[in-house]
């Protein structure tokens, strides 16, 4: 029996389909957007295509995304590069669940199947091809087109992405913005800013501190 070469045994193998125009080192907090197609390795049938979904894939690096291999993949790419990655099945165990979540976007709540352990065992994940992938895992091929890279300082973070210090800074900014709206008699906008600032403060107050007494 012919042994496989070391390159064939790599958990992630990359093939560049179209080189990008700039390599940017991605730091934690960087937001990337990309299109993707998914296939079983060696199979021409497409499992998922982001262009047929509601919107392209968006990731913020360092936020413990369930499919960690996608974070590793995009860090190997240049902006506007298109590449095919063949990924060992051991790194793709979460893919059926990620796929289900992406497919369910835009569906009404009653059209979505809740995926608890009992439902998964008795009825599956709700998509035949994903059920098959769960039962018979295989290496997957991802064709990725990385078309947007925003470093942490280049975009306004959503609240869930912020550290506590960043949230406190945001409250000051919102309060100042609200004051400016109030002075301009734009009371609705002012109220929105004040409410958002209060919401952030309340969230911080609810967080348990290490040495607080119960």
N, C-alpha and C. Protein backbone atom coordinates (compact mmCIF):
# COMPACT_ATOMS: atom_id res chain seq x y z
N UNK A 1 0.85 -1.20 0.00
CA UNK A 1 0.00 0.00 0.00
C UNK A 1 0.88 1.24 0.00
N UNK A 2 0.56 2.18 -0.90
CA UNK A 2 1.39 3.37 -1.02
C UNK A 2 1.09 4.34 0.11
N UNK A 3 2.13 4.79 0.80
CA UNK A 3 1.94 5.71 1.91
C UNK A 3 1.70 7.11 1.39
N UNK A 4 0.92 7.87 2.16
CA UNK A 4 0.63 9.24 1.75
C UNK A 4 1.78 10.14 2.13
N UNK A 5 2.02 11.16 1.33
CA UNK A 5 3.08 12.11 1.64
C UNK A 5 2.66 12.98 2.80
N UNK A 6 3.66 13.62 3.43
CA UNK A 6 3.35 14.48 4.57
C UNK A 6 2.42 15.61 4.18
N UNK A 7 2.57 16.16 2.96
CA UNK A 7 1.71 17.27 2.54
C UNK A 7 0.26 16.83 2.44
N UNK A 8 0.02 15.53 2.07
CA UNK A 8 -1.34 15.03 1.97
C UNK A 8 -1.98 14.84 3.34
N UNK A 9 -1.14 14.75 4.38
CA UNK A 9 -1.65 14.46 5.71
C UNK A 9 -1.88 15.73 6.53
N UNK A 10 -1.63 16.90 5.98
CA UNK A 10 -1.85 18.14 6.71
C UNK A 10 -3.35 18.30 6.98
N UNK A 11 -3.72 18.78 8.18
CA UNK A 11 -5.14 18.95 8.48
C UNK A 11 -5.80 20.04 7.64
N UNK A 12 -5.01 21.01 7.16
CA UNK A 12 -5.53 22.07 6.29
C UNK A 12 -4.60 22.19 5.08
N UNK A 13 -5.15 21.99 3.90
CA UNK A 13 -4.36 22.14 2.68
C UNK A 13 -4.96 23.27 1.84
N UNK A 14 -4.10 24.13 1.34
CA UNK A 14 -4.55 25.33 0.63
C UNK A 14 -4.13 25.30 -0.83
N UNK A 15 -5.06 25.73 -1.69
CA UNK A 15 -4.78 25.91 -3.11
C UNK A 15 -5.30 27.29 -3.53
N UNK A 16 -4.41 28.16 -3.96
CA UNK A 16 -4.81 29.51 -4.36
C UNK A 16 -5.47 29.46 -5.73
N UNK A 17 -6.68 29.99 -5.84
CA UNK A 17 -7.39 30.03 -7.11
C UNK A 17 -7.25 31.39 -7.78
N UNK A 18 -7.16 32.43 -6.96
CA UNK A 18 -6.96 33.79 -7.48
C UNK A 18 -6.22 34.58 -6.41
N UNK A 19 -4.97 35.00 -6.67
CA UNK A 19 -4.20 35.68 -5.63
C UNK A 19 -4.82 37.02 -5.26
N UNK A 20 -4.67 37.39 -4.01
CA UNK A 20 -5.18 38.68 -3.57
C UNK A 20 -4.23 39.80 -3.92
N UNK A 21 -4.54 41.00 -3.44
CA UNK A 21 -3.71 42.16 -3.77
C UNK A 21 -3.03 42.79 -2.57
N UNK A 22 -3.28 42.27 -1.36
CA UNK A 22 -2.61 42.83 -0.19
C UNK A 22 -2.75 41.88 0.98
N UNK A 23 -1.62 41.53 1.62
CA UNK A 23 -1.69 40.72 2.84
C UNK A 23 -1.72 41.66 4.03
N UNK A 24 -2.69 41.47 4.90
CA UNK A 24 -2.85 42.29 6.10
C UNK A 24 -2.84 41.36 7.30
N UNK A 25 -1.95 41.63 8.25
CA UNK A 25 -1.91 40.79 9.45
C UNK A 25 -3.16 41.03 10.28
N UNK A 26 -3.86 39.97 10.58
CA UNK A 26 -5.13 40.08 11.29
C UNK A 26 -4.92 39.92 12.79
N UNK A 27 -5.30 40.93 13.54
CA UNK A 27 -5.17 40.92 14.99
C UNK A 27 -6.53 40.58 15.61
N UNK A 28 -6.55 40.14 16.88
CA UNK A 28 -7.83 39.88 17.53
C UNK A 28 -8.74 41.11 17.48
N UNK A 29 -9.99 40.88 17.18
CA UNK A 29 -10.94 41.97 17.03
C UNK A 29 -11.13 42.42 15.60
N UNK A 30 -10.29 41.91 14.68
CA UNK A 30 -10.45 42.25 13.27
C UNK A 30 -11.75 41.64 12.75
N UNK A 31 -12.48 42.42 11.96
CA UNK A 31 -13.73 41.93 11.36
C UNK A 31 -13.48 41.61 9.89
N UNK A 32 -13.81 40.40 9.49
CA UNK A 32 -13.62 39.99 8.10
C UNK A 32 -14.97 39.56 7.51
N UNK A 33 -15.09 39.76 6.20
CA UNK A 33 -16.28 39.30 5.48
C UNK A 33 -15.82 38.50 4.28
N UNK A 34 -16.52 37.39 4.03
CA UNK A 34 -16.11 36.54 2.92
C UNK A 34 -17.30 35.73 2.40
N UNK A 35 -17.19 35.34 1.13
CA UNK A 35 -18.12 34.38 0.56
C UNK A 35 -17.49 33.00 0.65
N UNK A 36 -18.32 31.98 0.72
CA UNK A 36 -17.79 30.62 0.80
C UNK A 36 -18.70 29.64 0.07
N UNK A 37 -18.08 28.59 -0.43
CA UNK A 37 -18.78 27.41 -0.91
C UNK A 37 -18.23 26.21 -0.14
N UNK A 38 -19.11 25.26 0.16
CA UNK A 38 -18.70 24.07 0.90
C UNK A 38 -19.05 22.82 0.12
N UNK A 39 -18.11 21.90 0.06
CA UNK A 39 -18.32 20.59 -0.56
C UNK A 39 -17.64 19.52 0.30
N UNK A 40 -18.08 18.29 0.15
CA UNK A 40 -17.27 17.18 0.65
C UNK A 40 -16.04 17.08 -0.23
N UNK A 41 -14.91 16.74 0.35
CA UNK A 41 -13.68 16.61 -0.43
C UNK A 41 -13.87 15.58 -1.53
N UNK A 42 -13.55 15.97 -2.76
CA UNK A 42 -13.66 15.07 -3.89
C UNK A 42 -15.05 14.94 -4.47
N UNK A 43 -16.01 15.72 -3.96
CA UNK A 43 -17.40 15.67 -4.43
C UNK A 43 -17.75 17.02 -5.04
N UNK A 44 -18.31 17.02 -6.23
CA UNK A 44 -18.61 18.29 -6.91
C UNK A 44 -19.90 18.93 -6.41
N UNK A 45 -20.71 18.20 -5.65
CA UNK A 45 -21.98 18.75 -5.18
C UNK A 45 -21.76 19.80 -4.09
N UNK A 46 -22.42 20.93 -4.23
CA UNK A 46 -22.26 22.03 -3.28
C UNK A 46 -23.21 21.83 -2.09
N UNK A 47 -22.65 21.89 -0.90
CA UNK A 47 -23.46 21.80 0.31
C UNK A 47 -24.04 23.17 0.65
N UNK A 48 -23.19 24.18 0.66
CA UNK A 48 -23.62 25.55 0.97
C UNK A 48 -22.92 26.53 0.05
N UNK A 49 -23.61 27.62 -0.26
CA UNK A 49 -23.05 28.71 -1.06
C UNK A 49 -23.57 30.01 -0.46
N UNK A 50 -22.68 30.82 0.11
CA UNK A 50 -23.11 32.03 0.81
C UNK A 50 -23.81 33.02 -0.11
N UNK A 51 -23.54 32.95 -1.40
CA UNK A 51 -24.21 33.87 -2.33
C UNK A 51 -25.70 33.57 -2.47
N UNK A 52 -26.11 32.41 -2.01
CA UNK A 52 -27.53 32.05 -2.04
C UNK A 52 -28.18 32.26 -0.68
N UNK A 53 -27.41 32.78 0.27
CA UNK A 53 -27.93 33.05 1.60
C UNK A 53 -28.28 34.53 1.74
N UNK A 54 -28.71 34.91 2.93
CA UNK A 54 -29.14 36.28 3.17
C UNK A 54 -28.01 37.29 2.98
N UNK A 55 -26.80 36.92 3.39
CA UNK A 55 -25.68 37.84 3.32
C UNK A 55 -24.38 37.05 3.41
N UNK A 56 -23.23 37.66 3.09
CA UNK A 56 -21.95 36.95 3.21
C UNK A 56 -21.62 36.66 4.66
N UNK A 57 -20.63 35.79 4.84
CA UNK A 57 -20.20 35.43 6.19
C UNK A 57 -19.40 36.56 6.80
N UNK A 58 -19.64 36.83 8.07
CA UNK A 58 -18.90 37.86 8.81
C UNK A 58 -18.35 37.25 10.09
N UNK A 59 -17.07 37.47 10.34
CA UNK A 59 -16.42 36.96 11.55
C UNK A 59 -15.66 38.07 12.24
N UNK A 60 -15.68 38.07 13.56
CA UNK A 60 -14.80 38.92 14.35
C UNK A 60 -13.80 37.98 15.02
N UNK A 61 -12.53 38.12 14.69
CA UNK A 61 -11.52 37.18 15.16
C UNK A 61 -11.32 37.28 16.67
N UNK A 62 -11.09 36.12 17.28
CA UNK A 62 -10.82 36.08 18.71
C UNK A 62 -12.05 36.02 19.58
N UNK A 63 -13.23 35.79 18.99
CA UNK A 63 -14.47 35.74 19.75
C UNK A 63 -15.01 34.32 19.91
N UNK A 64 -14.11 33.34 19.76
CA UNK A 64 -14.44 31.93 20.00
C UNK A 64 -15.57 31.44 19.11
N UNK A 65 -15.46 31.71 17.82
CA UNK A 65 -16.43 31.19 16.86
C UNK A 65 -16.38 29.66 16.88
N UNK A 66 -17.53 29.02 16.78
CA UNK A 66 -17.60 27.56 16.96
C UNK A 66 -16.77 26.80 15.93
N UNK A 67 -16.70 27.32 14.69
CA UNK A 67 -15.91 26.64 13.67
C UNK A 67 -14.55 27.34 13.61
N UNK A 68 -13.66 26.96 14.54
CA UNK A 68 -12.39 27.67 14.70
C UNK A 68 -11.53 27.64 13.44
N UNK A 69 -11.69 26.60 12.64
CA UNK A 69 -10.84 26.46 11.46
C UNK A 69 -11.04 27.62 10.49
N UNK A 70 -12.23 28.22 10.47
CA UNK A 70 -12.44 29.37 9.57
C UNK A 70 -11.57 30.56 9.99
N UNK A 71 -11.36 30.73 11.28
CA UNK A 71 -10.46 31.80 11.73
C UNK A 71 -9.04 31.52 11.26
N UNK A 72 -8.61 30.26 11.34
CA UNK A 72 -7.27 29.90 10.87
C UNK A 72 -7.14 30.12 9.37
N UNK A 73 -8.19 29.78 8.63
CA UNK A 73 -8.17 29.89 7.18
C UNK A 73 -7.99 31.34 6.73
N UNK A 74 -8.82 32.24 7.24
CA UNK A 74 -8.78 33.62 6.75
C UNK A 74 -7.46 34.30 7.11
N UNK A 75 -6.81 33.84 8.18
CA UNK A 75 -5.52 34.43 8.54
C UNK A 75 -4.40 34.02 7.59
N UNK A 76 -4.67 33.04 6.73
CA UNK A 76 -3.71 32.62 5.72
C UNK A 76 -3.94 33.32 4.38
N UNK A 77 -4.90 34.24 4.33
CA UNK A 77 -5.31 34.81 3.05
C UNK A 77 -4.99 36.29 2.94
N UNK A 78 -4.86 36.74 1.69
CA UNK A 78 -4.73 38.16 1.38
C UNK A 78 -6.11 38.73 1.05
N UNK A 79 -6.23 40.04 1.13
CA UNK A 79 -7.48 40.70 0.77
C UNK A 79 -7.79 40.43 -0.70
N UNK A 80 -9.02 40.06 -0.98
CA UNK A 80 -9.52 39.76 -2.34
C UNK A 80 -8.96 38.46 -2.92
N UNK A 81 -8.34 37.66 -2.09
CA UNK A 81 -7.87 36.35 -2.55
C UNK A 81 -9.03 35.35 -2.59
N UNK A 82 -8.96 34.44 -3.54
CA UNK A 82 -9.88 33.30 -3.59
C UNK A 82 -9.04 32.04 -3.46
N UNK A 83 -9.37 31.18 -2.52
CA UNK A 83 -8.57 29.98 -2.30
C UNK A 83 -9.46 28.81 -1.90
N UNK A 84 -8.98 27.62 -2.21
CA UNK A 84 -9.67 26.39 -1.80
C UNK A 84 -8.89 25.74 -0.67
N UNK A 85 -9.59 25.44 0.41
CA UNK A 85 -8.99 24.78 1.56
C UNK A 85 -9.65 23.41 1.75
N UNK A 86 -8.82 22.39 1.81
CA UNK A 86 -9.31 21.06 2.14
C UNK A 86 -8.99 20.81 3.61
N UNK A 87 -10.02 20.57 4.39
CA UNK A 87 -9.88 20.53 5.85
C UNK A 87 -10.26 19.15 6.38
N UNK A 88 -9.41 18.61 7.25
CA UNK A 88 -9.66 17.28 7.81
C UNK A 88 -10.96 17.29 8.61
N UNK A 89 -11.67 16.19 8.55
CA UNK A 89 -12.99 16.09 9.18
C UNK A 89 -12.96 16.36 10.68
N UNK A 90 -11.82 16.12 11.32
CA UNK A 90 -11.72 16.35 12.77
C UNK A 90 -11.87 17.83 13.11
N UNK A 91 -11.61 18.71 12.15
CA UNK A 91 -11.73 20.15 12.38
C UNK A 91 -13.08 20.70 11.93
N UNK A 92 -13.93 19.83 11.39
CA UNK A 92 -15.20 20.28 10.80
C UNK A 92 -16.43 19.76 11.54
N UNK A 93 -16.23 19.22 12.75
CA UNK A 93 -17.34 18.58 13.45
C UNK A 93 -18.52 19.52 13.69
N UNK A 94 -18.24 20.82 13.86
CA UNK A 94 -19.30 21.79 14.15
C UNK A 94 -19.95 22.33 12.88
N UNK A 95 -19.42 21.97 11.72
CA UNK A 95 -19.94 22.60 10.50
C UNK A 95 -21.44 22.39 10.28
N UNK A 96 -22.00 21.18 10.47
CA UNK A 96 -23.44 21.03 10.24
C UNK A 96 -24.29 21.99 11.08
N UNK A 97 -23.85 22.26 12.30
CA UNK A 97 -24.62 23.16 13.17
C UNK A 97 -24.47 24.62 12.72
N UNK A 98 -23.25 24.99 12.29
CA UNK A 98 -23.05 26.34 11.74
C UNK A 98 -23.89 26.51 10.49
N UNK A 99 -23.88 25.50 9.63
CA UNK A 99 -24.65 25.54 8.39
C UNK A 99 -26.14 25.70 8.68
N UNK A 100 -26.65 24.94 9.64
CA UNK A 100 -28.06 25.04 10.00
C UNK A 100 -28.41 26.46 10.44
N UNK A 101 -27.56 27.04 11.28
CA UNK A 101 -27.81 28.40 11.77
C UNK A 101 -27.86 29.39 10.61
N UNK A 102 -26.92 29.27 9.67
CA UNK A 102 -26.88 30.19 8.53
C UNK A 102 -28.09 29.99 7.63
N UNK A 103 -28.50 28.76 7.43
CA UNK A 103 -29.66 28.48 6.58
C UNK A 103 -30.95 28.98 7.21
N UNK A 104 -31.01 28.98 8.54
CA UNK A 104 -32.23 29.37 9.25
C UNK A 104 -32.42 30.88 9.30
N UNK A 105 -31.35 31.65 8.99
CA UNK A 105 -31.47 33.11 9.02
C UNK A 105 -32.54 33.54 8.02
N UNK A 106 -33.45 34.36 8.46
CA UNK A 106 -34.51 34.83 7.58
C UNK A 106 -35.78 34.00 7.66
N UNK A 107 -35.69 32.81 8.27
CA UNK A 107 -36.87 31.99 8.43
C UNK A 107 -37.69 32.46 9.63
N UNK A 108 -38.98 32.22 9.59
CA UNK A 108 -39.82 32.53 10.73
C UNK A 108 -39.49 31.55 11.87
N UNK A 109 -39.63 32.00 13.12
CA UNK A 109 -39.30 31.12 14.25
C UNK A 109 -39.98 29.76 14.19
N UNK A 110 -41.24 29.74 13.75
CA UNK A 110 -41.96 28.47 13.71
C UNK A 110 -41.46 27.54 12.61
N UNK A 111 -40.69 28.09 11.67
CA UNK A 111 -40.14 27.26 10.59
C UNK A 111 -38.80 26.65 10.97
N UNK A 112 -38.23 27.10 12.07
CA UNK A 112 -36.93 26.58 12.50
C UNK A 112 -37.11 25.39 13.42
N UNK A 113 -36.22 24.43 13.30
CA UNK A 113 -36.27 23.26 14.18
C UNK A 113 -35.24 23.44 15.29
N UNK A 114 -35.74 23.43 16.52
CA UNK A 114 -34.82 23.53 17.66
C UNK A 114 -33.99 22.27 17.75
N UNK A 115 -32.68 22.45 17.95
CA UNK A 115 -31.77 21.30 17.84
C UNK A 115 -31.23 20.89 19.21
N UNK A 116 -32.10 20.39 20.09
CA UNK A 116 -31.64 19.87 21.37
C UNK A 116 -31.17 18.43 21.17
N UNK A 117 -30.60 17.85 22.21
CA UNK A 117 -30.06 16.50 22.09
C UNK A 117 -31.11 15.47 21.69
N UNK A 118 -32.31 15.56 22.29
CA UNK A 118 -33.36 14.60 21.99
C UNK A 118 -33.84 14.74 20.56
N UNK A 119 -34.04 15.99 20.12
CA UNK A 119 -34.48 16.22 18.74
C UNK A 119 -33.44 15.72 17.76
N UNK A 120 -32.17 16.00 18.05
CA UNK A 120 -31.09 15.56 17.17
C UNK A 120 -31.07 14.05 17.03
N UNK A 121 -31.29 13.34 18.14
CA UNK A 121 -31.26 11.89 18.12
C UNK A 121 -32.45 11.31 17.37
N UNK A 122 -33.63 11.90 17.56
CA UNK A 122 -34.85 11.32 16.99
C UNK A 122 -35.19 11.84 15.60
N UNK A 123 -34.93 13.12 15.34
CA UNK A 123 -35.39 13.72 14.10
C UNK A 123 -34.27 14.30 13.25
N UNK A 124 -33.07 14.38 13.80
CA UNK A 124 -31.98 14.96 13.03
C UNK A 124 -31.95 16.47 13.15
N UNK A 125 -31.09 17.08 12.34
CA UNK A 125 -30.84 18.52 12.44
C UNK A 125 -31.85 19.35 11.65
N UNK A 126 -32.62 18.68 10.79
CA UNK A 126 -33.63 19.39 10.03
C UNK A 126 -33.31 19.56 8.56
N UNK A 127 -32.12 19.16 8.14
CA UNK A 127 -31.71 19.20 6.74
C UNK A 127 -31.08 17.85 6.40
N UNK A 128 -31.59 17.21 5.36
CA UNK A 128 -31.15 15.85 5.03
C UNK A 128 -29.65 15.76 4.78
N UNK A 129 -29.12 16.72 4.01
CA UNK A 129 -27.69 16.66 3.68
C UNK A 129 -26.82 16.88 4.92
N UNK A 130 -27.29 17.71 5.84
CA UNK A 130 -26.52 17.93 7.07
C UNK A 130 -26.62 16.73 8.01
N UNK A 131 -27.79 16.08 8.03
CA UNK A 131 -27.91 14.84 8.80
C UNK A 131 -26.93 13.80 8.29
N UNK A 132 -26.81 13.70 6.97
CA UNK A 132 -25.88 12.75 6.37
C UNK A 132 -24.44 13.09 6.74
N UNK A 133 -24.13 14.39 6.77
CA UNK A 133 -22.78 14.81 7.12
C UNK A 133 -22.47 14.51 8.59
N UNK A 134 -23.48 14.64 9.44
CA UNK A 134 -23.30 14.30 10.86
C UNK A 134 -23.06 12.80 11.05
N UNK A 135 -23.81 12.00 10.31
CA UNK A 135 -23.71 10.55 10.46
C UNK A 135 -22.46 9.98 9.79
N UNK A 136 -22.05 10.61 8.70
CA UNK A 136 -20.89 10.14 7.95
C UNK A 136 -19.93 11.31 7.70
N UNK A 137 -19.19 11.72 8.71
CA UNK A 137 -18.29 12.88 8.55
C UNK A 137 -17.23 12.61 7.49
N UNK A 138 -16.80 13.67 6.83
CA UNK A 138 -15.73 13.55 5.85
C UNK A 138 -14.94 14.85 5.82
N UNK A 139 -13.77 14.82 5.18
CA UNK A 139 -13.04 16.06 4.95
C UNK A 139 -13.91 16.99 4.12
N UNK A 140 -13.79 18.28 4.35
CA UNK A 140 -14.58 19.27 3.61
C UNK A 140 -13.67 20.19 2.82
N UNK A 141 -14.19 20.66 1.70
CA UNK A 141 -13.52 21.68 0.89
C UNK A 141 -14.28 22.99 1.02
N UNK A 142 -13.55 24.04 1.36
CA UNK A 142 -14.13 25.38 1.43
C UNK A 142 -13.45 26.26 0.38
N UNK A 143 -14.24 26.83 -0.51
CA UNK A 143 -13.72 27.86 -1.41
C UNK A 143 -14.09 29.21 -0.79
N UNK A 144 -13.07 29.97 -0.43
CA UNK A 144 -13.25 31.22 0.31
C UNK A 144 -12.82 32.40 -0.54
N UNK A 145 -13.66 33.43 -0.59
CA UNK A 145 -13.30 34.70 -1.22
C UNK A 145 -13.32 35.78 -0.14
N UNK A 146 -12.15 36.21 0.28
CA UNK A 146 -12.03 37.20 1.36
C UNK A 146 -12.06 38.60 0.76
N UNK A 147 -13.17 39.31 0.94
CA UNK A 147 -13.32 40.60 0.24
C UNK A 147 -13.34 41.81 1.17
N UNK A 148 -13.31 41.59 2.47
CA UNK A 148 -13.32 42.74 3.39
C UNK A 148 -12.53 42.42 4.64
N UNK A 149 -11.61 43.32 5.00
CA UNK A 149 -10.85 43.22 6.25
C UNK A 149 -10.93 44.58 6.95
N UNK A 150 -11.44 44.59 8.18
CA UNK A 150 -11.50 45.81 8.97
C UNK A 150 -10.79 45.56 10.29
N UNK A 151 -9.68 46.24 10.51
CA UNK A 151 -8.96 46.12 11.77
C UNK A 151 -9.78 46.76 12.89
N UNK A 152 -9.51 46.40 14.15
CA UNK A 152 -10.36 46.87 15.25
C UNK A 152 -10.57 48.38 15.28
N UNK A 153 -9.55 49.14 14.90
CA UNK A 153 -9.67 50.60 14.96
C UNK A 153 -10.37 51.19 13.74
N UNK A 154 -10.74 50.34 12.78
CA UNK A 154 -11.31 50.83 11.53
C UNK A 154 -12.83 50.74 11.47
N UNK A 155 -13.47 50.22 12.50
CA UNK A 155 -14.93 50.14 12.48
C UNK A 155 -15.46 50.32 13.89
N UNK A 156 -16.72 50.71 13.97
CA UNK A 156 -17.35 50.91 15.27
C UNK A 156 -17.85 49.57 15.79
N UNK A 157 -17.33 49.18 16.93
CA UNK A 157 -17.69 47.88 17.49
C UNK A 157 -19.14 47.86 17.96
N UNK A 158 -19.77 46.70 17.82
CA UNK A 158 -21.06 46.49 18.45
C UNK A 158 -20.83 46.25 19.94
N UNK A 159 -21.87 46.47 20.71
CA UNK A 159 -21.70 46.44 22.16
C UNK A 159 -21.14 45.12 22.67
N UNK A 160 -21.58 43.99 22.10
CA UNK A 160 -21.15 42.68 22.59
C UNK A 160 -19.66 42.45 22.37
N UNK A 161 -19.06 43.21 21.46
CA UNK A 161 -17.64 43.04 21.17
C UNK A 161 -16.74 43.83 22.12
N UNK A 162 -17.32 44.75 22.87
CA UNK A 162 -16.51 45.69 23.64
C UNK A 162 -16.03 45.10 24.97
N UNK A 163 -14.84 45.53 25.38
CA UNK A 163 -14.37 45.25 26.74
C UNK A 163 -15.08 46.20 27.70
N UNK A 164 -14.94 45.96 29.01
CA UNK A 164 -15.58 46.84 29.99
C UNK A 164 -15.08 48.27 29.86
N UNK A 165 -13.78 48.45 29.65
CA UNK A 165 -13.22 49.80 29.50
C UNK A 165 -13.80 50.49 28.27
N UNK A 166 -13.94 49.72 27.19
CA UNK A 166 -14.50 50.30 25.97
C UNK A 166 -15.96 50.66 26.16
N UNK A 167 -16.67 49.88 26.94
CA UNK A 167 -18.08 50.20 27.21
C UNK A 167 -18.21 51.48 28.02
N UNK A 168 -17.33 51.66 29.01
CA UNK A 168 -17.37 52.89 29.80
C UNK A 168 -17.07 54.10 28.93
N UNK A 169 -16.11 53.95 28.03
CA UNK A 169 -15.80 55.04 27.11
C UNK A 169 -16.99 55.33 26.21
N UNK A 170 -17.69 54.27 25.80
CA UNK A 170 -18.86 54.44 24.94
C UNK A 170 -19.97 55.21 25.65
N UNK A 171 -20.13 54.98 26.96
CA UNK A 171 -21.17 55.71 27.69
C UNK A 171 -20.88 57.21 27.70
N UNK A 172 -19.60 57.58 27.86
CA UNK A 172 -19.23 59.00 27.84
C UNK A 172 -19.52 59.61 26.47
N UNK A 173 -19.18 58.86 25.43
CA UNK A 173 -19.43 59.34 24.07
C UNK A 173 -20.91 59.51 23.81
N UNK A 174 -21.70 58.52 24.24
CA UNK A 174 -23.15 58.59 24.03
C UNK A 174 -23.76 59.74 24.82
N UNK A 175 -23.29 59.95 26.05
CA UNK A 175 -23.82 61.04 26.86
C UNK A 175 -23.52 62.39 26.22
N UNK A 176 -22.29 62.54 25.71
CA UNK A 176 -21.92 63.79 25.05
C UNK A 176 -22.74 64.00 23.78
N UNK A 177 -22.93 62.91 23.03
CA UNK A 177 -23.72 63.00 21.81
C UNK A 177 -25.17 63.37 22.14
N UNK A 178 -25.69 62.75 23.22
CA UNK A 178 -27.05 63.06 23.64
C UNK A 178 -27.20 64.52 24.05
N UNK A 179 -26.20 65.06 24.76
CA UNK A 179 -26.24 66.47 25.15
C UNK A 179 -26.28 67.38 23.94
N UNK A 180 -25.50 67.04 22.92
CA UNK A 180 -25.48 67.85 21.70
C UNK A 180 -26.83 67.81 20.99
N UNK A 181 -27.44 66.63 20.96
CA UNK A 181 -28.77 66.51 20.35
C UNK A 181 -29.79 67.33 21.14
N UNK A 182 -29.67 67.28 22.48
CA UNK A 182 -30.62 68.01 23.32
C UNK A 182 -30.52 69.51 23.09
N UNK A 183 -29.27 70.01 23.01
CA UNK A 183 -29.06 71.44 22.77
C UNK A 183 -29.62 71.88 21.43
N UNK A 184 -29.63 70.93 20.48
CA UNK A 184 -30.15 71.24 19.15
C UNK A 184 -31.65 70.96 19.05
N UNK A 185 -32.28 70.69 20.21
CA UNK A 185 -33.72 70.39 20.28
C UNK A 185 -34.11 69.14 19.50
N UNK A 186 -33.14 68.24 19.34
CA UNK A 186 -33.42 66.95 18.69
C UNK A 186 -33.62 65.92 19.80
N UNK A 187 -34.80 66.02 20.42
CA UNK A 187 -35.03 65.30 21.67
C UNK A 187 -35.13 63.78 21.49
N UNK A 188 -35.68 63.34 20.37
CA UNK A 188 -35.79 61.90 20.14
C UNK A 188 -34.41 61.25 20.04
N UNK A 189 -33.51 61.88 19.26
CA UNK A 189 -32.15 61.36 19.13
C UNK A 189 -31.41 61.41 20.47
N UNK A 190 -31.65 62.49 21.24
CA UNK A 190 -31.01 62.62 22.55
C UNK A 190 -31.45 61.49 23.48
N UNK A 191 -32.77 61.23 23.49
CA UNK A 191 -33.29 60.16 24.35
C UNK A 191 -32.71 58.80 23.97
N UNK A 192 -32.56 58.55 22.67
CA UNK A 192 -31.98 57.28 22.21
C UNK A 192 -30.56 57.11 22.74
N UNK A 193 -29.76 58.17 22.66
CA UNK A 193 -28.38 58.11 23.16
C UNK A 193 -28.34 57.87 24.66
N UNK A 194 -29.19 58.59 25.41
CA UNK A 194 -29.21 58.43 26.86
C UNK A 194 -29.64 57.01 27.25
N UNK A 195 -30.66 56.49 26.57
CA UNK A 195 -31.14 55.14 26.87
C UNK A 195 -30.05 54.10 26.62
N UNK A 196 -29.32 54.26 25.52
CA UNK A 196 -28.26 53.31 25.20
C UNK A 196 -27.15 53.38 26.24
N UNK A 197 -26.81 54.60 26.68
CA UNK A 197 -25.77 54.76 27.70
C UNK A 197 -26.19 54.11 29.01
N UNK A 198 -27.45 54.32 29.40
CA UNK A 198 -27.96 53.71 30.64
C UNK A 198 -27.94 52.19 30.53
N UNK A 199 -28.30 51.67 29.35
CA UNK A 199 -28.29 50.22 29.14
C UNK A 199 -26.90 49.62 29.33
N UNK A 200 -25.89 50.32 28.85
CA UNK A 200 -24.51 49.84 29.01
C UNK A 200 -24.12 49.83 30.48
N UNK A 201 -24.45 50.91 31.19
CA UNK A 201 -24.12 51.00 32.62
C UNK A 201 -24.81 49.88 33.40
N UNK A 202 -26.08 49.61 33.07
CA UNK A 202 -26.81 48.55 33.77
C UNK A 202 -26.16 47.19 33.52
N UNK A 203 -25.71 46.96 32.29
CA UNK A 203 -25.04 45.70 31.99
C UNK A 203 -23.76 45.54 32.82
N UNK A 204 -23.01 46.63 32.94
CA UNK A 204 -21.77 46.58 33.72
C UNK A 204 -22.06 46.34 35.20
N UNK A 205 -23.14 46.94 35.71
CA UNK A 205 -23.49 46.77 37.12
C UNK A 205 -23.92 45.34 37.43
N UNK A 206 -24.48 44.66 36.43
CA UNK A 206 -24.96 43.30 36.64
C UNK A 206 -23.84 42.27 36.63
N UNK A 207 -22.69 42.67 36.12
CA UNK A 207 -21.57 41.72 36.06
C UNK A 207 -21.03 41.49 37.47
N UNK A 208 -20.80 40.25 37.81
CA UNK A 208 -20.28 39.91 39.15
C UNK A 208 -18.82 40.30 39.25
N UNK A 209 -18.46 40.97 40.32
CA UNK A 209 -17.07 41.37 40.54
C UNK A 209 -16.39 40.34 41.44
N UNK A 210 -15.09 40.11 41.26
CA UNK A 210 -14.39 39.01 41.95
C UNK A 210 -14.53 39.01 43.46
N UNK A 211 -14.51 40.18 44.11
CA UNK A 211 -14.48 40.21 45.58
C UNK A 211 -15.78 40.75 46.17
N UNK A 212 -16.84 40.79 45.36
CA UNK A 212 -18.12 41.23 45.89
C UNK A 212 -18.70 40.18 46.82
N UNK A 213 -19.37 40.62 47.89
CA UNK A 213 -20.07 39.70 48.76
C UNK A 213 -21.42 39.38 48.16
N UNK A 214 -21.90 38.16 48.37
CA UNK A 214 -23.21 37.78 47.86
C UNK A 214 -24.29 38.43 48.71
